[in-house]
Amino acid sequence: MRTTTLGAGGPQVGRIGLGCMGMSWAYTEADRDDAASIKVIHRALDLGVTLIDTADAYGPYSNEQLVGRALRGRRDQAVLATKVGLVPDGNRQLHRNARPEYIRGAIEGSLARLGVDHVDLYQLHRVDPAVPLAESWGTLAELVTQGKVRAIGLSEATLEEIKEAQAIHPVASVQSELSLWTRGQLDEILPYTEEQGIAFLPFSPLGRGFLTGAITSAADLPEGDMRKQLPRFQGEAFDANQALVAKVRAVAERVGATPGQVALAWVAAQGQYVLPIPGTKRLRYLEENAAAGDLELPADALAELDALPPAVGDRYGSAFAGASTAGASTGSR
């Protein structure tokens, strides 16, 4: 696979990473298979998919434990990223906590669950409006000085928050949703990260699986799958968004790839340090996604995809209010 670096001064990584959330949480939890997921992580490393992304909130905690088991004996092959600052309750609602004392305790828990003495990238999962960003970010910077963390990043932050953090300590990465149906980050945030040499890590680059064309009906989603609560997967919005998939499929047929590979290649083409982190727990999807790291779309295909209309429906709606980002782009663009 083609490689780049995690930002201008970061370690070398494959152009496609691996998001591990769905192996343990949020999607088809009843179908969880840790042994199969560990095989996926091992195969990812074999294919050059070296950026492995998790978070303490996923499970909570069980996803970090899974990733830790998978990386035993192979830690030096991975660029390991985890997050802090989102806390799920028993009703699967997400709450923010970025108090300094919480962060200091959380990193110790993450290191223990992952079975490592440091993580390569520690990300503030969401900025906490109840805590000055300078306090949260300053605490993360302390962890770099202590050697527990190699670099620090932000997730779903506004441009103003990224600039504020950058003035205190270098921002290694910004993680936000970016795909053919969520393009708001292209307006201001992505140009800024490219200018500053900051890595941009798009989560849900396949539109939570919608852009692969594999989901043809809301009935395809099992009970317990978080997507059933998301506006774009419901009713008329679901039907309208199938038109996006049809256009992606047409491009895919022309370039000899799958719709998912086209969607990933478009995301990766948005910048030198743009590193999509699609999630999967199945080997065949992992291998398909990894192959997208070597797919370069021709100019006419990129232009056609750029011209796609916005998706119908908000990203989260009211179901996951704690994950929504006040002040940041949360719409279809």
Protein backbone atom coordinates (compact mmCIF):
# COMPACT_ATOMS: atom_id res chain seq x y z
CA MET A 1 0.00 0.00 0.00
CA ARG A 2 1.05 3.58 -0.61
CA THR A 3 2.19 5.36 2.53
CA THR A 4 2.37 8.85 3.90
CA THR A 5 3.12 10.23 7.34
CA LEU A 6 0.83 11.05 10.23
CA GLY A 7 1.07 14.75 9.52
CA ALA A 8 4.20 16.56 8.48
CA GLY A 9 6.40 15.18 11.27
CA GLY A 10 4.68 11.98 12.28
CA PRO A 11 5.43 8.28 11.78
CA GLN A 12 4.91 6.54 8.46
CA VAL A 13 1.47 4.99 7.96
CA GLY A 14 -0.51 3.34 5.19
CA ARG A 15 -2.91 5.59 3.30
CA ILE A 16 -5.84 3.62 4.73
CA GLY A 17 -6.19 2.98 8.46
CA LEU A 18 -8.51 0.78 10.52
CA GLY A 19 -11.23 2.00 12.85
CA CYS A 20 -11.98 -0.67 15.45
CA MET A 21 -15.14 0.67 17.13
CA GLY A 22 -17.57 -1.64 15.32
CA MET A 23 -15.71 -4.73 16.47
CA SER A 24 -17.07 -4.18 19.97
CA TRP A 25 -19.72 -1.48 20.01
CA ALA A 26 -22.50 0.48 18.32
CA TYR A 27 -23.29 -1.66 15.28
CA THR A 28 -24.19 -5.36 15.36
CA GLU A 29 -23.05 -6.11 18.89
CA ALA A 30 -24.80 -9.47 18.93
CA ASP A 31 -22.50 -10.49 16.08
CA ARG A 32 -19.35 -9.63 18.02
CA ASP A 33 -16.52 -12.13 17.49
CA ASP A 34 -13.28 -11.14 19.16
CA ALA A 35 -11.26 -13.95 17.62
CA ALA A 36 -12.33 -12.94 14.13
CA SER A 37 -11.65 -9.28 14.88
CA ILE A 38 -8.14 -10.08 16.06
CA LYS A 39 -7.54 -11.86 12.75
CA VAL A 40 -8.73 -8.73 10.95
CA ILE A 41 -6.27 -6.56 12.88
CA HIS A 42 -3.42 -8.98 12.15
CA ARG A 43 -4.30 -9.06 8.46
CA ALA A 44 -4.50 -5.27 8.43
CA LEU A 45 -0.92 -5.03 9.67
CA ASP A 46 0.15 -7.57 7.02
CA LEU A 47 -1.43 -5.37 4.32
CA GLY A 48 0.19 -2.16 5.52
CA VAL A 49 -2.88 -0.84 7.32
CA THR A 50 -0.81 0.38 10.24
CA LEU A 51 -2.92 3.16 11.82
CA ILE A 52 -5.14 1.35 14.35
CA ASP A 53 -7.79 3.55 15.98
CA THR A 54 -9.80 2.82 19.13
CA ALA A 55 -11.19 4.71 22.15
CA ASP A 56 -11.95 4.08 25.79
CA ALA A 57 -15.63 4.87 25.12
CA TYR A 58 -16.02 1.95 22.73
CA GLY A 59 -17.67 -0.74 24.79
CA PRO A 60 -16.90 1.09 27.00
CA TYR A 61 -13.36 -0.24 27.49
CA SER A 62 -13.79 -3.59 25.74
CA ASN A 63 -12.51 -2.33 22.38
CA GLU A 64 -9.20 -1.19 23.87
CA GLN A 65 -8.86 -4.60 25.52
CA LEU A 66 -9.48 -6.30 22.18
CA VAL A 67 -6.95 -4.13 20.34
CA GLY A 68 -4.43 -4.73 23.11
CA ARG A 69 -4.75 -8.49 22.71
CA ALA A 70 -4.41 -8.20 18.94
CA LEU A 71 -1.21 -6.16 19.17
CA ARG A 72 0.64 -8.46 21.56
CA GLY A 73 3.88 -9.35 19.84
CA ARG A 74 3.16 -6.89 17.00
CA ARG A 75 3.10 -3.56 18.80
CA ASP A 76 6.03 -2.18 16.79
CA GLN A 77 4.10 -2.70 13.52
CA ALA A 78 1.20 -0.43 14.51
CA VAL A 79 0.67 3.28 14.96
CA LEU A 80 -1.73 3.03 17.89
CA ALA A 81 -4.35 5.72 18.44
CA THR A 82 -6.97 5.97 21.18
CA LYS A 83 -9.21 8.69 22.61
CA VAL A 84 -10.50 10.22 25.82
CA GLY A 85 -13.34 12.56 26.71
CA LEU A 86 -16.59 10.78 25.80
CA VAL A 87 -18.26 8.71 28.49
CA PRO A 88 -21.25 6.49 27.62
CA ASP A 89 -23.88 5.82 30.27
CA GLY A 90 -26.03 2.74 30.74
CA ASN A 91 -28.53 4.04 28.19
CA ARG A 92 -25.84 4.41 25.50
CA GLN A 93 -26.01 8.18 25.73
CA LEU A 94 -22.66 9.95 25.46
CA HIS A 95 -21.46 12.57 27.91
CA ARG A 96 -18.34 14.72 27.74
CA ASN A 97 -15.64 14.80 30.38
CA ALA A 98 -12.32 16.49 29.64
CA ARG A 99 -11.40 17.58 33.14
CA PRO A 100 -7.65 17.35 33.76
CA GLU A 101 -8.03 14.88 36.62
CA TYR A 102 -10.23 12.66 34.46
CA ILE A 103 -7.75 12.67 31.57
CA ARG A 104 -4.85 11.77 33.89
CA GLY A 105 -6.74 8.76 35.19
CA ALA A 106 -8.08 7.77 31.79
CA ILE A 107 -4.67 7.44 30.16
CA GLU A 108 -3.57 5.02 32.88
CA GLY A 109 -6.64 2.90 32.21
CA SER A 110 -6.06 2.95 28.45
CA LEU A 111 -2.41 1.95 28.78
CA ALA A 112 -3.36 -0.95 31.05
CA ARG A 113 -6.13 -2.21 28.77
CA LEU A 114 -3.96 -1.89 25.67
CA GLY A 115 -1.00 -3.52 27.42
CA VAL A 116 1.47 -0.85 26.29
CA ASP A 117 3.69 1.75 27.90
CA HIS A 118 2.64 4.51 25.50
CA VAL A 119 0.19 5.27 22.73
CA ASP A 120 1.31 6.92 19.52
CA LEU A 121 -1.68 9.25 19.28
CA TYR A 122 -4.00 10.31 22.11
CA GLN A 123 -7.05 12.22 20.94
CA LEU A 124 -9.55 14.39 22.77
CA HIS A 125 -12.73 12.65 21.65
CA ARG A 126 -14.81 15.81 22.04
CA VAL A 127 -14.08 19.24 23.46
CA ASP A 128 -15.92 19.59 26.77
CA PRO A 129 -17.81 22.90 26.93
CA ALA A 130 -17.67 22.76 30.75
CA VAL A 131 -13.85 22.80 30.75
CA PRO A 132 -11.59 25.43 29.18
CA LEU A 133 -9.86 23.83 26.21
CA ALA A 134 -6.53 25.17 27.44
CA GLU A 135 -6.86 23.05 30.57
CA SER A 136 -7.76 19.85 28.71
CA TRP A 137 -5.15 20.36 26.00
CA GLY A 138 -2.48 21.37 28.50
CA THR A 139 -3.09 18.13 30.38
CA LEU A 140 -2.72 16.12 27.17
CA ALA A 141 0.54 17.97 26.49
CA GLU A 142 1.77 16.93 29.95
CA LEU A 143 1.27 13.30 28.94
CA VAL A 144 3.56 13.85 25.95
CA THR A 145 6.25 15.23 28.27
CA GLN A 146 5.81 12.21 30.53
CA GLY A 147 6.31 9.81 27.59
CA LYS A 148 2.90 8.18 27.96
CA VAL A 149 1.77 9.67 24.66
CA ARG A 150 3.81 10.41 21.53
CA ALA A 151 1.42 12.96 20.01
CA ILE A 152 -2.00 14.43 20.67
CA GLY A 153 -5.00 15.18 18.49
CA LEU A 154 -8.56 16.47 18.47
CA SER A 155 -11.80 14.88 17.29
CA GLU A 156 -14.77 16.80 15.87
CA ALA A 157 -13.31 20.17 16.89
CA THR A 158 -14.15 23.53 15.36
CA LEU A 159 -11.54 25.53 13.46
CA GLU A 160 -11.30 27.99 16.34
CA GLU A 161 -10.68 25.14 18.80
CA ILE A 162 -7.99 23.63 16.59
CA LYS A 163 -6.21 26.99 16.35
CA GLU A 164 -6.46 27.52 20.10
CA ALA A 165 -4.96 24.11 20.78
CA GLN A 166 -2.23 24.60 18.17
CA ALA A 167 -1.08 27.74 19.97
CA ILE A 168 -0.54 25.71 23.16
CA HIS A 169 0.97 22.47 21.86
CA PRO A 170 1.25 21.02 18.33
CA VAL A 171 -1.91 19.34 17.08
CA ALA A 172 -0.81 16.10 15.42
CA SER A 173 -4.22 15.14 14.04
CA VAL A 174 -7.83 16.12 13.66
CA GLN A 175 -10.38 13.34 13.43
CA SER A 176 -13.79 14.16 11.99
CA GLU A 177 -16.38 12.61 9.75
CA LEU A 178 -15.62 13.05 6.05
CA SER A 179 -17.15 11.16 3.16
CA LEU A 180 -19.04 11.71 -0.05
CA TRP A 181 -22.13 12.42 2.02
CA THR A 182 -20.47 14.48 4.81
CA ARG A 183 -18.24 17.15 3.31
CA GLY A 184 -18.44 20.13 5.68
CA GLN A 185 -14.82 19.72 6.77
CA LEU A 186 -13.64 20.59 3.25
CA ASP A 187 -14.65 24.22 3.67
CA GLU A 188 -12.22 25.48 6.33
CA ILE A 189 -10.85 22.74 8.56
CA LEU A 190 -9.18 20.54 5.96
CA PRO A 191 -7.42 23.47 4.24
CA TYR A 192 -6.09 24.56 7.65
CA THR A 193 -4.83 21.12 8.61
CA GLU A 194 -3.07 20.75 5.26
CA GLU A 195 -1.47 24.17 5.66
CA GLN A 196 -0.28 23.30 9.18
CA GLY A 197 0.89 19.77 8.32
CA ILE A 198 -1.73 18.25 10.62
CA ALA A 199 -3.04 14.77 9.80
CA PHE A 200 -6.77 14.57 9.07
CA LEU A 201 -8.37 11.25 10.02
CA PRO A 202 -11.83 10.80 8.46
CA PHE A 203 -14.06 8.43 10.38
CA SER A 204 -17.08 6.88 8.65
CA PRO A 205 -15.52 7.50 5.21
CA LEU A 206 -17.97 4.97 3.76
CA GLY A 207 -21.01 6.77 5.16
CA ARG A 208 -21.35 4.14 7.90
CA GLY A 209 -21.46 1.50 5.16
CA PHE A 210 -24.20 3.20 3.13
CA LEU A 211 -21.89 4.23 0.26
CA THR A 212 -20.79 0.64 -0.36
CA GLY A 213 -24.24 -0.15 -1.73
CA ALA A 214 -24.56 -3.13 0.58
CA ILE A 215 -27.44 -1.59 2.54
CA THR A 216 -30.44 -1.55 0.23
CA SER A 217 -33.16 -1.34 2.87
CA ALA A 218 -33.44 -0.20 6.46
CA ALA A 219 -34.48 -3.79 7.15
CA ASP A 220 -30.89 -4.83 6.38
CA LEU A 221 -29.86 -3.30 9.71
CA PRO A 222 -30.23 -5.66 12.69
CA GLU A 223 -31.79 -4.71 15.99
CA GLY A 224 -29.35 -2.86 18.24
CA ASP A 225 -27.53 -1.23 15.33
CA MET A 226 -27.03 2.48 16.07
CA ARG A 227 -27.72 3.37 12.43
CA LYS A 228 -31.40 2.65 12.95
CA GLN A 229 -31.51 5.86 14.99
CA LEU A 230 -29.65 8.06 12.51
CA PRO A 231 -31.75 10.36 10.28
CA ARG A 232 -30.05 9.41 7.01
CA PHE A 233 -31.01 5.76 7.46
CA GLN A 234 -34.69 6.43 8.01
CA GLY A 235 -37.74 6.69 5.77
CA GLU A 236 -37.66 9.09 2.85
CA ALA A 237 -34.09 10.15 3.60
CA PHE A 238 -32.90 6.55 3.18
CA ASP A 239 -34.64 6.27 -0.18
CA ALA A 240 -33.34 9.64 -1.40
CA ASN A 241 -29.77 8.81 -0.43
CA GLN A 242 -29.81 5.72 -2.62
CA ALA A 243 -29.32 8.12 -5.53
CA LEU A 244 -25.85 8.94 -4.18
CA VAL A 245 -24.95 5.26 -4.13
CA ALA A 246 -26.12 4.84 -7.72
CA LYS A 247 -23.74 7.57 -8.88
CA VAL A 248 -20.82 6.12 -6.91
CA ARG A 249 -21.58 2.69 -8.38
CA ALA A 250 -21.51 4.13 -11.90
CA VAL A 251 -18.05 5.62 -11.33
CA ALA A 252 -16.88 2.34 -9.80
CA GLU A 253 -17.94 0.39 -12.87
CA ARG A 254 -15.95 2.75 -15.10
CA VAL A 255 -12.72 2.52 -13.10
CA GLY A 256 -12.96 -1.19 -12.33
CA ALA A 257 -13.38 -0.91 -8.57
CA THR A 258 -16.09 -1.38 -5.96
CA PRO A 259 -18.27 1.51 -4.76
CA GLY A 260 -16.58 1.33 -1.38
CA GLN A 261 -13.13 1.60 -2.91
CA VAL A 262 -14.20 4.61 -4.95
CA ALA A 263 -15.64 6.29 -1.86
CA LEU A 264 -12.40 5.71 0.06
CA ALA A 265 -10.17 6.80 -2.80
CA TRP A 266 -12.13 10.05 -3.10
CA VAL A 267 -11.60 10.76 0.60
CA ALA A 268 -7.87 9.97 0.44
CA ALA A 269 -7.53 12.26 -2.59
CA GLN A 270 -8.57 15.28 -0.52
CA GLY A 271 -5.07 15.87 0.86
CA GLN A 272 -1.58 14.52 1.43
CA TYR A 273 -2.21 13.84 5.11
CA VAL A 274 -5.81 12.64 4.80
CA LEU A 275 -5.95 9.11 6.23
CA PRO A 276 -9.38 7.44 6.14
CA ILE A 277 -10.05 4.98 8.95
CA PRO A 278 -12.93 2.77 7.75
CA GLY A 279 -14.12 0.24 10.28
CA THR A 280 -14.82 -3.42 9.65
CA LYS A 281 -14.68 -6.75 11.44
CA ARG A 282 -14.67 -8.88 8.30
CA LEU A 283 -11.58 -9.93 6.38
CA ARG A 284 -13.07 -9.51 2.93
CA TYR A 285 -14.11 -5.92 3.63
CA LEU A 286 -10.73 -5.17 5.18
CA GLU A 287 -8.94 -6.42 2.06
CA GLU A 288 -11.30 -4.45 -0.18
CA ASN A 289 -10.71 -1.29 1.85
CA ALA A 290 -6.94 -1.78 1.91
CA ALA A 291 -6.85 -2.08 -1.88
CA ALA A 292 -8.37 1.40 -2.07
CA GLY A 293 -5.07 2.72 -0.74
CA ASP A 294 -3.58 2.13 -4.17
CA LEU A 295 -6.53 3.41 -6.20
CA GLU A 296 -5.99 6.78 -7.87
CA LEU A 297 -9.16 8.13 -9.41
CA PRO A 298 -8.90 9.97 -12.73
CA ALA A 299 -9.67 13.67 -12.79
CA ASP A 300 -13.06 13.26 -14.46
CA ALA A 301 -14.18 10.74 -11.83
CA LEU A 302 -13.07 13.05 -9.00
CA ALA A 303 -14.96 15.93 -10.58
CA GLU A 304 -18.10 13.85 -10.95
CA LEU A 305 -17.93 12.79 -7.32
CA ASP A 306 -17.23 16.37 -6.20
CA ALA A 307 -20.48 17.39 -7.86
CA LEU A 308 -22.67 14.92 -5.96
CA PRO A 309 -25.62 16.56 -4.17
CA PRO A 310 -25.71 16.70 -0.37
CA ALA A 311 -27.09 13.75 1.54
CA VAL A 312 -30.61 14.02 2.91
CA GLY A 313 -30.80 14.10 6.71
CA ASP A 314 -28.56 15.19 9.55
CA ARG A 315 -25.66 13.07 10.75
CA TYR A 316 -26.86 12.34 14.28
CA GLY A 317 -30.17 14.02 15.01
CA SER A 318 -31.25 13.88 18.64
CA ALA A 319 -30.26 10.25 19.21
CA PHE A 320 -26.60 10.93 19.96
CA ALA A 321 -26.60 14.51 21.19
CA GLY A 322 -23.35 14.06 23.11
CA ALA A 323 -21.51 13.12 19.92
CA SER A 324 -22.81 16.08 17.93
CA THR A 325 -20.49 19.04 17.76
CA ALA A 326 -21.94 22.43 18.58
CA GLY A 327 -20.49 25.01 16.26
CA ALA A 328 -18.95 22.49 13.88
CA SER A 329 -20.37 21.27 10.63
CA THR A 330 -22.85 18.52 11.37
CA GLY A 331 -24.96 18.63 8.23
CA SER A 332 -24.62 16.78 4.98
CA ARG A 333 -21.93 19.12 3.69
